[in-house]
PDB file of N, CA and C in Angstrom:
ATOM      1  N   MET A   1     171.901  30.506 261.203  1.00  0.00           N
ATOM      2  CA  MET A   1     172.104  29.739 261.048  1.00  0.00           C
ATOM      3  C   MET A   1     172.887  30.184 260.146  1.00  0.00           C
ATOM      4  N   THR A   2     174.801  30.107 260.539  1.00  0.00           N
ATOM      5  CA  THR A   2     175.993  30.304 260.372  1.00  0.00           C
ATOM      6  C   THR A   2     176.601  29.457 258.693  1.00  0.00           C
ATOM      7  N   CYS A   3     176.793  31.105 258.132  1.00  0.00           N
ATOM      8  CA  CYS A   3     177.390  30.396 256.438  1.00  0.00           C
ATOM      9  C   CYS A   3     179.142  30.121 257.020  1.00  0.00           C
ATOM     10  N   ARG A   4     179.539  28.355 256.407  1.00  0.00           N
ATOM     11  CA  ARG A   4     180.843  28.781 256.905  1.00  0.00           C
ATOM     12  C   ARG A   4     181.559  28.891 255.706  1.00  0.00           C
ATOM     13  N   ILE A   5     182.526  29.388 255.255  1.00  0.00           N
ATOM     14  CA  ILE A   5     183.704  29.791 254.378  1.00  0.00           C
ATOM     15  C   ILE A   5     184.615  29.194 254.213  1.00  0.00           C
ATOM     16  N   ALA A   6     184.834  28.970 253.074  1.00  0.00           N
ATOM     17  CA  ALA A   6     186.531  28.168 252.962  1.00  0.00           C
ATOM     18  C   ALA A   6     187.502  29.374 252.309  1.00  0.00           C
ATOM     19  N   PHE A   7     187.891  30.122 252.334  1.00  0.00           N
ATOM     20  CA  PHE A   7     188.554  31.485 251.501  1.00  0.00           C
ATOM     21  C   PHE A   7     190.208  30.187 251.152  1.00  0.00           C
ATOM     22  N   VAL A   8     190.165  30.378 249.491  1.00  0.00           N
ATOM     23  CA  VAL A   8     191.218  29.124 249.113  1.00  0.00           C
ATOM     24  C   VAL A   8     192.352  30.010 248.649  1.00  0.00           C
ATOM     25  N   LEU A   9     193.680  29.781 249.437  1.00  0.00           N
ATOM     26  CA  LEU A   9     195.007  30.509 249.088  1.00  0.00           C
ATOM     27  C   LEU A   9     195.666  30.095 248.475  1.00  0.00           C
ATOM     28  N   PHE A  10     196.703  30.003 247.684  1.00  0.00           N
ATOM     29  CA  PHE A  10     197.647  29.818 246.849  1.00  0.00           C
ATOM     30  C   PHE A  10     198.792  30.175 246.656  1.00  0.00           C
ATOM     31  N   PRO A  11     200.093  30.066 247.021  1.00  0.00           N
ATOM     32  CA  PRO A  11     201.324  30.598 246.428  1.00  0.00           C
ATOM     33  C   PRO A  11     200.618  31.879 245.610  1.00  0.00           C
ATOM     34  N   GLY A  12     201.683  33.292 246.304  1.00  0.00           N
ATOM     35  CA  GLY A  12     201.079  34.413 244.464  1.00  0.00           C
ATOM     36  C   GLY A  12     200.229  34.652 244.945  1.00  0.00           C
ATOM     37  N   PHE A  13     198.496  34.456 245.912  1.00  0.00           N
ATOM     38  CA  PHE A  13     197.261  35.210 245.775  1.00  0.00           C
ATOM     39  C   PHE A  13     197.201  36.741 245.964  1.00  0.00           C
ATOM     40  N   GLN A  14     196.904  37.393 245.734  1.00  0.00           N
ATOM     41  CA  GLN A  14     196.938  38.761 246.000  1.00  0.00           C
ATOM     42  C   GLN A  14     195.911  38.962 247.316  1.00  0.00           C
ATOM     43  N   GLN A  15     196.911  40.049 248.306  1.00  0.00           N
ATOM     44  CA  GLN A  15     195.946  40.122 248.896  1.00  0.00           C
ATOM     45  C   GLN A  15     194.689  41.139 248.573  1.00  0.00           C
ATOM     46  N   LEU A  16     194.560  41.786 247.717  1.00  0.00           N
ATOM     47  CA  LEU A  16     193.229  43.167 247.831  1.00  0.00           C
ATOM     48  C   LEU A  16     191.967  41.819 247.506  1.00  0.00           C
ATOM     49  N   ASP A  17     192.246  41.269 246.892  1.00  0.00           N
ATOM     50  CA  ASP A  17     191.108  39.665 246.762  1.00  0.00           C
ATOM     51  C   ASP A  17     190.756  38.803 247.747  1.00  0.00           C
ATOM     52  N   LEU A  18     191.843  39.167 248.659  1.00  0.00           N
ATOM     53  CA  LEU A  18     191.088  38.467 250.057  1.00  0.00           C
ATOM     54  C   LEU A  18     190.221  39.226 250.146  1.00  0.00           C
ATOM     55  N   ALA A  19     191.124  39.934 250.905  1.00  0.00           N
ATOM     56  CA  ALA A  19     190.528  41.466 251.994  1.00  0.00           C
ATOM     57  C   ALA A  19     189.396  42.040 252.151  1.00  0.00           C
ATOM     58  N   GLY A  20     188.985  42.268 250.472  1.00  0.00           N
ATOM     59  CA  GLY A  20     187.868  42.996 250.131  1.00  0.00           C
ATOM     60  C   GLY A  20     186.591  41.697 250.659  1.00  0.00           C
ATOM     61  N   PRO A  21     186.493  40.773 250.217  1.00  0.00           N
ATOM     62  CA  PRO A  21     185.880  39.771 250.304  1.00  0.00           C
ATOM     63  C   PRO A  21     185.357  39.053 252.153  1.00  0.00           C
ATOM     64  N   MET A  22     186.373  39.448 252.532  1.00  0.00           N
ATOM     65  CA  MET A  22     186.721  39.199 254.106  1.00  0.00           C
ATOM     66  C   MET A  22     186.048  40.269 254.270  1.00  0.00           C
ATOM     67  N   ALA A  23     186.179  41.651 254.006  1.00  0.00           N
ATOM     68  CA  ALA A  23     185.941  42.907 254.947  1.00  0.00           C
ATOM     69  C   ALA A  23     184.176  43.045 254.671  1.00  0.00           C
ATOM     70  N   VAL A  24     184.093  42.102 253.600  1.00  0.00           N
ATOM     71  CA  VAL A  24     182.510  42.476 253.975  1.00  0.00           C
ATOM     72  C   VAL A  24     181.256  41.294 254.505  1.00  0.00           C
ATOM     73  N   PHE A  25     182.091  39.981 254.309  1.00  0.00           N
ATOM     74  CA  PHE A  25     181.639  39.239 255.696  1.00  0.00           C
ATOM     75  C   PHE A  25     181.714  39.339 256.461  1.00  0.00           C
ATOM     76  N   GLU A  26     183.103  40.529 257.544  1.00  0.00           N
ATOM     77  CA  GLU A  26     183.142  41.013 258.333  1.00  0.00           C
ATOM     78  C   GLU A  26     182.031  41.993 258.915  1.00  0.00           C
ATOM     79  N   VAL A  27     182.097  42.696 257.908  1.00  0.00           N
ATOM     80  CA  VAL A  27     180.384  43.824 258.618  1.00  0.00           C
ATOM     81  C   VAL A  27     179.285  43.100 258.563  1.00  0.00           C
ATOM     82  N   ALA A  28     179.165  42.294 257.307  1.00  0.00           N
ATOM     83  CA  ALA A  28     177.375  41.165 257.672  1.00  0.00           C
ATOM     84  C   ALA A  28     177.574  40.781 259.402  1.00  0.00           C
ATOM     85  N   ARG A  29     178.677  40.270 260.169  1.00  0.00           N
ATOM     86  CA  ARG A  29     179.407  39.535 261.228  1.00  0.00           C
ATOM     87  C   ARG A  29     178.356  40.709 262.057  1.00  0.00           C
ATOM     88  N   LEU A  30     178.696  41.212 261.745  1.00  0.00           N
ATOM     89  CA  LEU A  30     178.942  42.532 262.718  1.00  0.00           C
ATOM     90  C   LEU A  30     177.397  43.114 263.186  1.00  0.00           C
ATOM     91  N   ALA A  31     177.148  43.260 261.633  1.00  0.00           N
ATOM     92  CA  ALA A  31     174.932  43.092 261.753  1.00  0.00           C
ATOM     93  C   ALA A  31     174.783  42.404 262.164  1.00  0.00           C
ATOM     94  N   ARG A  32     174.677  41.123 261.876  1.00  0.00           N
ATOM     95  CA  ARG A  32     174.294  39.047 261.978  1.00  0.00           C
ATOM     96  C   ARG A  32     175.256  38.982 262.831  1.00  0.00           C
ATOM     97  N   PRO A  33     175.696  39.274 264.101  1.00  0.00           N
ATOM     98  CA  PRO A  33     176.785  38.137 264.597  1.00  0.00           C
ATOM     99  C   PRO A  33     176.141  36.609 264.484  1.00  0.00           C
ATOM    100  N   GLY A  34     176.763  35.998 263.940  1.00  0.00           N
ATOM    101  CA  GLY A  34     176.998  34.077 263.888  1.00  0.00           C
ATOM    102  C   GLY A  34     176.754  34.319 262.885  1.00  0.00           C
ATOM    103  N   SER A  35     176.819  34.971 262.086  1.00  0.00           N
ATOM    104  CA  SER A  35     175.801  34.867 260.280  1.00  0.00           C
ATOM    105  C   SER A  35     177.145  33.821 259.199  1.00  0.00           C
ATOM    106  N   TYR A  36     177.975  34.706 260.352  1.00  0.00           N
ATOM    107  CA  TYR A  36     179.216  33.735 258.916  1.00  0.00           C
ATOM    108  C   TYR A  36     180.642  33.485 259.499  1.00  0.00           C
ATOM    109  N   ASP A  37     181.241  32.709 259.113  1.00  0.00           N
ATOM    110  CA  ASP A  37     182.640  31.909 259.978  1.00  0.00           C
ATOM    111  C   ASP A  37     183.084  31.727 258.810  1.00  0.00           C
ATOM    112  N   TRP A  38     184.597  31.672 258.870  1.00  0.00           N
ATOM    113  CA  TRP A  38     185.708  31.686 257.881  1.00  0.00           C
ATOM    114  C   TRP A  38     186.794  31.306 258.044  1.00  0.00           C
ATOM    115  N   ARG A  39     187.849  30.530 257.790  1.00  0.00           N
ATOM    116  CA  ARG A  39     188.523  30.164 257.191  1.00  0.00           C
ATOM    117  C   ARG A  39     189.509  30.054 256.401  1.00  0.00           C
ATOM    118  N   LEU A  40     190.784  30.537 256.040  1.00  0.00           N
ATOM    119  CA  LEU A  40     191.437  29.992 255.293  1.00  0.00           C
ATOM    120  C   LEU A  40     192.285  29.473 254.912  1.00  0.00           C
ATOM    121  N   VAL A  41     192.243  27.989 254.209  1.00  0.00           N
ATOM    122  CA  VAL A  41     192.522  27.474 253.329  1.00  0.00           C
ATOM    123  C   VAL A  41     193.583  27.320 252.280  1.00  0.00           C
ATOM    124  N   GLY A  42     194.453  26.133 251.977  1.00  0.00           N
ATOM    125  CA  GLY A  42     195.387  25.673 251.004  1.00  0.00           C
ATOM    126  C   GLY A  42     195.891  24.175 250.992  1.00  0.00           C
ATOM    127  N   SER A  43     196.582  24.497 249.729  1.00  0.00           N
ATOM    128  CA  SER A  43     197.115  22.914 249.514  1.00  0.00           C
ATOM    129  C   SER A  43     198.085  22.942 249.971  1.00  0.00           C
ATOM    130  N   VAL A  44     198.987  23.966 250.537  1.00  0.00           N
ATOM    131  CA  VAL A  44     200.703  23.774 251.858  1.00  0.00           C
ATOM    132  C   VAL A  44     200.440  24.543 252.715  1.00  0.00           C
ATOM    133  N   PRO A  45     200.046  23.749 253.606  1.00  0.00           N
ATOM    134  CA  PRO A  45     199.840  24.674 254.766  1.00  0.00           C
ATOM    135  C   PRO A  45     201.065  24.636 256.011  1.00  0.00           C
ATOM    136  N   PRO A  46     201.313  25.078 256.644  1.00  0.00           N
ATOM    137  CA  PRO A  46     200.991  25.973 257.260  1.00  0.00           C
ATOM    138  C   PRO A  46     200.034  27.313 257.082  1.00  0.00           C
ATOM    139  N   ALA A  47     201.285  27.710 255.957  1.00  0.00           N
ATOM    140  CA  ALA A  47     201.202  29.071 255.668  1.00  0.00           C
ATOM    141  C   ALA A  47     201.351  29.224 254.022  1.00  0.00           C
ATOM    142  N   VAL A  48     201.044  30.536 254.064  1.00  0.00           N
ATOM    143  CA  VAL A  48     200.829  30.138 252.349  1.00  0.00           C
ATOM    144  C   VAL A  48     201.543  32.172 251.833  1.00  0.00           C
ATOM    145  N   ARG A  49     202.553  31.742 251.208  1.00  0.00           N
ATOM    146  CA  ARG A  49     202.952  33.162 250.683  1.00  0.00           C
ATOM    147  C   ARG A  49     202.075  34.502 249.268  1.00  0.00           C
ATOM    148  N   SER A  50     201.793  35.225 249.923  1.00  0.00           N
ATOM    149  CA  SER A  50     201.108  36.195 248.837  1.00  0.00           C
ATOM    150  C   SER A  50     201.502  36.575 247.555  1.00  0.00           C
ATOM    151  N   SER A  51     201.603  37.627 246.959  1.00  0.00           N
ATOM    152  CA  SER A  51     202.330  38.172 245.967  1.00  0.00           C
ATOM    153  C   SER A  51     203.324  38.640 246.358  1.00  0.00           C
ATOM    154  N   ALA A  52     202.515  39.787 247.239  1.00  0.00           N
ATOM    155  CA  ALA A  52     203.507  41.291 247.906  1.00  0.00           C
ATOM    156  C   ALA A  52     204.476  40.065 249.003  1.00  0.00           C
ATOM    157  N   GLY A  53     204.151  39.116 248.738  1.00  0.00           N
ATOM    158  CA  GLY A  53     205.792  38.122 250.025  1.00  0.00           C
ATOM    159  C   GLY A  53     204.948  38.170 251.764  1.00  0.00           C
ATOM    160  N   VAL A  54     204.257  38.611 251.449  1.00  0.00           N
ATOM    161  CA  VAL A  54     203.223  38.010 253.306  1.00  0.00           C
ATOM    162  C   VAL A  54     202.672  36.491 253.451  1.00  0.00           C
ATOM    163  N   ALA A  55     203.364  35.843 254.249  1.00  0.00           N
ATOM    164  CA  ALA A  55     202.690  34.311 254.523  1.00  0.00           C
ATOM    165  C   ALA A  55     201.940  34.875 255.165  1.00  0.00           C
ATOM    166  N   TRP A  56     200.882  34.138 254.598  1.00  0.00           N
ATOM    167  CA  TRP A  56     199.164  34.247 255.628  1.00  0.00           C
ATOM    168  C   TRP A  56     199.140  32.661 256.236  1.00  0.00           C
ATOM    169  N   PRO A  57     198.480  33.071 257.063  1.00  0.00           N
ATOM    170  CA  PRO A  57     198.662  30.939 257.922  1.00  0.00           C
ATOM    171  C   PRO A  57     196.960  30.765 257.586  1.00  0.00           C
ATOM    172  N   VAL A  58     197.287  29.381 257.363  1.00  0.00           N
ATOM    173  CA  VAL A  58     196.145  28.357 256.400  1.00  0.00           C
ATOM    174  C   VAL A  58     196.325  27.039 257.091  1.00  0.00           C
ATOM    175  N   ARG A  59     195.054  26.422 256.961  1.00  0.00           N
ATOM    176  CA  ARG A  59     194.432  25.203 257.659  1.00  0.00           C
ATOM    177  C   ARG A  59     194.829  24.596 256.045  1.00  0.00           C
ATOM    178  N   GLY A  60     195.265  23.140 256.217  1.00  0.00           N
ATOM    179  CA  GLY A  60     194.847  22.593 255.240  1.00  0.00           C
ATOM    180  C   GLY A  60     193.326  22.456 254.143  1.00  0.00           C
ATOM    181  N   LEU A  61     193.168  21.744 253.560  1.00  0.00           N
ATOM    182  CA  LEU A  61     192.013  21.846 252.466  1.00  0.00           C
ATOM    183  C   LEU A  61     191.083  20.912 253.348  1.00  0.00           C
ATOM    184  N   PRO A  62     189.927  21.266 254.026  1.00  0.00           N
ATOM    185  CA  PRO A  62     188.961  20.065 254.672  1.00  0.00           C
ATOM    186  C   PRO A  62     189.034  18.752 253.689  1.00  0.00           C
ATOM    187  N   ARG A  63     188.658  17.892 254.820  1.00  0.00           N
ATOM    188  CA  ARG A  63     188.256  16.735 254.341  1.00  0.00           C
ATOM    189  C   ARG A  63     186.597  16.587 254.410  1.00  0.00           C
ATOM    190  N   GLN A  64     186.404  17.189 255.649  1.00  0.00           N
ATOM    191  CA  GLN A  64     184.732  16.919 255.672  1.00  0.00           C
ATOM    192  C   GLN A  64     184.192  18.594 254.723  1.00  0.00           C
ATOM    193  N   LEU A  65     183.595  17.999 253.527  1.00  0.00           N
ATOM    194  CA  LEU A  65     183.098  19.141 252.577  1.00  0.00           C
ATOM    195  C   LEU A  65     182.220  19.246 253.227  1.00  0.00           C
ATOM    196  N   GLY A  66     181.019  18.516 253.061  1.00  0.00           N
ATOM    197  CA  GLY A  66     179.798  18.886 253.810  1.00  0.00           C
ATOM    198  C   GLY A  66     180.005  19.693 255.262  1.00  0.00           C
ATOM    199  N   ALA A  67     181.064  20.344 255.877  1.00  0.00           N
ATOM    200  CA  ALA A  67     180.747  21.563 256.411  1.00  0.00           C
ATOM    201  C   ALA A  67     181.069  22.592 256.081  1.00  0.00           C
ATOM    202  N   LEU A  68     180.785  22.977 254.785  1.00  0.00           N
ATOM    203  CA  LEU A  68     181.023  23.982 254.180  1.00  0.00           C
ATOM    204  C   LEU A  68     180.485  24.428 254.022  1.00  0.00           C
ATOM    205  N   ASP A  69     179.692  26.149 253.486  1.00  0.00           N
ATOM    206  CA  ASP A  69     178.515  26.211 252.586  1.00  0.00           C
ATOM    207  C   ASP A  69     178.857  27.349 251.046  1.00  0.00           C
ATOM    208  N   LEU A  70     179.652  27.670 251.149  1.00  0.00           N
ATOM    209  CA  LEU A  70     180.960  28.690 250.395  1.00  0.00           C
ATOM    210  C   LEU A  70     182.560  28.225 250.416  1.00  0.00           C
ATOM    211  N   VAL A  71     182.955  27.834 248.850  1.00  0.00           N
ATOM    212  CA  VAL A  71     184.422  27.955 248.831  1.00  0.00           C
ATOM    213  C   VAL A  71     184.759  29.316 248.006  1.00  0.00           C
ATOM    214  N   MET A  72     185.713  29.742 248.093  1.00  0.00           N
ATOM    215  CA  MET A  72     185.698  31.255 247.651  1.00  0.00           C
ATOM    216  C   MET A  72     187.080  30.979 247.106  1.00  0.00           C
ATOM    217  N   VAL A  73     187.399  31.429 245.923  1.00  0.00           N
ATOM    218  CA  VAL A  73     188.846  30.640 245.087  1.00  0.00           C
ATOM    219  C   VAL A  73     189.566  32.077 244.930  1.00  0.00           C
ATOM    220  N   ILE A  74     190.721  32.388 245.886  1.00  0.00           N
ATOM    221  CA  ILE A  74     190.986  34.188 246.549  1.00  0.00           C
ATOM    222  C   ILE A  74     192.217  33.679 244.483  1.00  0.00           C
ATOM    223  N   GLY A  75     192.131  35.500 243.768  1.00  0.00           N
ATOM    224  CA  GLY A  75     193.133  35.289 242.287  1.00  0.00           C
ATOM    225  C   GLY A  75     194.273  35.485 243.101  1.00  0.00           C
ATOM    226  N   GLY A  76     195.347  35.678 241.249  1.00  0.00           N
ATOM    227  CA  GLY A  76     196.719  36.359 241.730  1.00  0.00           C
ATOM    228  C   GLY A  76     197.559  36.086 241.140  1.00  0.00           C
ATOM    229  N   ASP A  77     198.258  36.398 240.520  1.00  0.00           N
ATOM    230  CA  ASP A  77     200.025  36.039 239.980  1.00  0.00           C
ATOM    231  C   ASP A  77     199.677  34.590 240.140  1.00  0.00           C
ATOM    232  N   GLY A  78     200.056  33.970 240.963  1.00  0.00           N
ATOM    233  CA  GLY A  78     200.114  32.742 241.021  1.00  0.00           C
ATOM    234  C   GLY A  78     199.203  31.439 240.850  1.00  0.00           C
ATOM    235  N   VAL A  79     197.910  32.479 240.377  1.00  0.00           N
ATOM    236  CA  VAL A  79     197.042  31.309 239.341  1.00  0.00           C
ATOM    237  C   VAL A  79     197.320  30.065 238.438  1.00  0.00           C
ATOM    238  N   ASP A  80     198.594  30.335 238.152  1.00  0.00           N
ATOM    239  CA  ASP A  80     199.055  29.699 236.438  1.00  0.00           C
ATOM    240  C   ASP A  80     199.201  28.689 237.470  1.00  0.00           C
ATOM    241  N   ALA A  81     200.110  28.355 238.571  1.00  0.00           N
ATOM    242  CA  ALA A  81     200.828  27.711 239.154  1.00  0.00           C
ATOM    243  C   ALA A  81     200.028  26.760 239.760  1.00  0.00           C
ATOM    244  N   ALA A  82     198.681  27.206 240.043  1.00  0.00           N
ATOM    245  CA  ALA A  82     197.551  26.665 241.026  1.00  0.00           C
ATOM    246  C   ALA A  82     196.779  25.726 240.184  1.00  0.00           C
ATOM    247  N   CYS A  83     196.994  26.572 238.963  1.00  0.00           N
ATOM    248  CA  CYS A  83     195.544  25.582 238.097  1.00  0.00           C
ATOM    249  C   CYS A  83     196.628  24.072 238.294  1.00  0.00           C
ATOM    250  N   ALA A  84     197.866  24.038 237.966  1.00  0.00           N
ATOM    251  CA  ALA A  84     198.936  22.610 238.152  1.00  0.00           C
ATOM    252  C   ALA A  84     198.996  21.595 239.125  1.00  0.00           C
ATOM    253  N   ASP A  85     198.191  22.305 239.817  1.00  0.00           N
ATOM    254  CA  ASP A  85     198.254  21.624 241.359  1.00  0.00           C
ATOM    255  C   ASP A  85     196.867  20.283 241.119  1.00  0.00           C
ATOM    256  N   ARG A  86     197.370  20.064 241.451  1.00  0.00           N
ATOM    257  CA  ARG A  86     196.248  18.262 240.781  1.00  0.00           C
ATOM    258  C   ARG A  86     195.852  18.377 242.561  1.00  0.00           C
ATOM    259  N   ARG A  87     196.231  18.373 243.582  1.00  0.00           N
ATOM    260  CA  ARG A  87     195.767  18.134 244.649  1.00  0.00           C
ATOM    261  C   ARG A  87     194.677  18.922 244.798  1.00  0.00           C
ATOM    262  N   LEU A  88     194.898  20.608 244.567  1.00  0.00           N
ATOM    263  CA  LEU A  88     194.113  21.124 244.569  1.00  0.00           C
ATOM    264  C   LEU A  88     193.129  21.434 243.448  1.00  0.00           C
ATOM    265  N   VAL A  89     192.773  21.600 242.393  1.00  0.00           N
ATOM    266  CA  VAL A  89     192.076  20.997 241.449  1.00  0.00           C
ATOM    267  C   VAL A  89     191.128  19.873 241.677  1.00  0.00           C
ATOM    268  N   ALA A  90     191.724  19.443 242.369  1.00  0.00           N
ATOM    269  CA  ALA A  90     190.467  18.304 242.764  1.00  0.00           C
ATOM    270  C   ALA A  90     189.966  17.821 243.614  1.00  0.00           C
ATOM    271  N   TRP A  91     190.478  19.076 244.733  1.00  0.00           N
ATOM    272  CA  TRP A  91     189.372  19.465 245.669  1.00  0.00           C
ATOM    273  C   TRP A  91     188.289  19.559 245.829  1.00  0.00           C
ATOM    274  N   LEU A  92     188.555  20.688 244.910  1.00  0.00           N
ATOM    275  CA  LEU A  92     187.643  22.532 244.282  1.00  0.00           C
ATOM    276  C   LEU A  92     186.673  20.939 243.828  1.00  0.00           C
ATOM    277  N   GLN A  93     186.835  20.454 242.915  1.00  0.00           N
ATOM    278  CA  GLN A  93     186.048  19.660 242.015  1.00  0.00           C
ATOM    279  C   GLN A  93     184.923  18.310 243.408  1.00  0.00           C
ATOM    280  N   ARG A  94     185.586  17.823 244.053  1.00  0.00           N
ATOM    281  CA  ARG A  94     184.892  17.381 245.070  1.00  0.00           C
ATOM    282  C   ARG A  94     184.431  18.670 246.148  1.00  0.00           C
ATOM    283  N   ALA A  95     184.624  19.534 246.492  1.00  0.00           N
ATOM    284  CA  ALA A  95     183.745  20.521 246.902  1.00  0.00           C
ATOM    285  C   ALA A  95     182.514  20.697 246.114  1.00  0.00           C
ATOM    286  N   ALA A  96     182.763  21.237 245.149  1.00  0.00           N
ATOM    287  CA  ALA A  96     181.980  21.512 244.558  1.00  0.00           C
ATOM    288  C   ALA A  96     180.339  20.168 244.007  1.00  0.00           C
ATOM    289  N   ARG A  97     180.682  19.471 243.659  1.00  0.00           N
ATOM    290  CA  ARG A  97     180.245  18.187 243.956  1.00  0.00           C
ATOM    291  C   ARG A  97     179.446  17.614 245.107  1.00  0.00           C
ATOM    292  N   SER A  98     180.237  18.185 246.373  1.00  0.00           N
ATOM    293  CA  SER A  98     179.369  17.912 247.880  1.00  0.00           C
ATOM    294  C   SER A  98     177.823  19.110 247.576  1.00  0.00           C
ATOM    295  N   GLY A  99     177.990  20.716 247.006  1.00  0.00           N
ATOM    296  CA  GLY A  99     176.817  20.830 246.975  1.00  0.00           C
ATOM    297  C   GLY A  99     176.913  22.015 247.640  1.00  0.00           C
ATOM    298  N   ALA A 100     178.179  22.743 248.028  1.00  0.00           N
ATOM    299  CA  ALA A 100     178.567  23.948 248.285  1.00  0.00           C
ATOM    300  C   ALA A 100     178.509  24.993 247.688  1.00  0.00           C
ATOM    301  N   ARG A 101     178.707  25.874 247.559  1.00  0.00           N
ATOM    302  CA  ARG A 101     178.654  26.907 246.796  1.00  0.00           C
ATOM    303  C   ARG A 101     179.878  27.441 246.440  1.00  0.00           C
ATOM    304  N   ILE A 102     180.393  27.430 244.885  1.00  0.00           N
ATOM    305  CA  ILE A 102     182.271  27.855 244.758  1.00  0.00           C
ATOM    306  C   ILE A 102     181.553  29.190 243.634  1.00  0.00           C
ATOM    307  N   ALA A 103     182.847  30.155 244.406  1.00  0.00           N
ATOM    308  CA  ALA A 103     182.832  31.426 243.985  1.00  0.00           C
ATOM    309  C   ALA A 103     184.425  31.832 243.935  1.00  0.00           C
ATOM    310  N   SER A 104     184.468  32.953 243.266  1.00  0.00           N
ATOM    311  CA  SER A 104     185.831  33.215 243.004  1.00  0.00           C
ATOM    312  C   SER A 104     186.379  34.651 242.986  1.00  0.00           C
ATOM    313  N   ILE A 105     187.271  35.544 242.679  1.00  0.00           N
ATOM    314  CA  ILE A 105     187.433  36.808 242.984  1.00  0.00           C
ATOM    315  C   ILE A 105     188.537  36.755 242.072  1.00  0.00           C
ATOM    316  N   CYS A 106     188.349  37.679 240.980  1.00  0.00           N
ATOM    317  CA  CYS A 106     188.930  37.665 240.053  1.00  0.00           C
ATOM    318  C   CYS A 106     189.860  36.697 239.082  1.00  0.00           C
ATOM    319  N   SER A 107     191.037  36.687 238.756  1.00  0.00           N
ATOM    320  CA  SER A 107     191.620  35.703 238.445  1.00  0.00           C
ATOM    321  C   SER A 107     191.270  34.215 238.631  1.00  0.00           C
ATOM    322  N   GLY A 108     191.188  34.632 239.793  1.00  0.00           N
ATOM    323  CA  GLY A 108     190.283  32.559 240.663  1.00  0.00           C
ATOM    324  C   GLY A 108     190.310  32.072 240.101  1.00  0.00           C
ATOM    325  N   SER A 109     189.077  32.734 239.129  1.00  0.00           N
ATOM    326  CA  SER A 109     187.770  31.957 237.957  1.00  0.00           C
ATOM    327  C   SER A 109     188.942  30.979 237.113  1.00  0.00           C
ATOM    328  N   LEU A 110     190.016  31.488 237.101  1.00  0.00           N
ATOM    329  CA  LEU A 110     190.822  30.436 235.543  1.00  0.00           C
ATOM    330  C   LEU A 110     191.385  29.233 236.442  1.00  0.00           C
ATOM    331  N   LEU A 111     191.048  28.506 237.660  1.00  0.00           N
ATOM    332  CA  LEU A 111     191.360  27.946 238.624  1.00  0.00           C
ATOM    333  C   LEU A 111     189.997  27.433 238.727  1.00  0.00           C
ATOM    334  N   LEU A 112     188.942  27.287 238.373  1.00  0.00           N
ATOM    335  CA  LEU A 112     187.501  26.907 238.410  1.00  0.00           C
ATOM    336  C   LEU A 112     187.284  27.223 237.181  1.00  0.00           C
TER     337      LEU A 112
END
């Protein structure tokens, strides 16, 4: 069974906070093909700029929350502004009620 992950990015996220967890799931997927599948999502598609200024492609926040097993909120300097993003906060609340596991990296916990 495949674990479906949404990495949640917001403007000003820290690339290292994304790269570390993504690499962990990448190695696990190499050891067990098909075990993990992920996507990058955000409330401002089609791209989100990291704190380093690099724009990362993202999909919009998924409407089908039952299709996610894990929601991973990435941290970074933009977390304060992300906390004011009502659409993102409401989506995270719906994701939590849907039964998906919710996790964060570093300052992403402030958004949770």
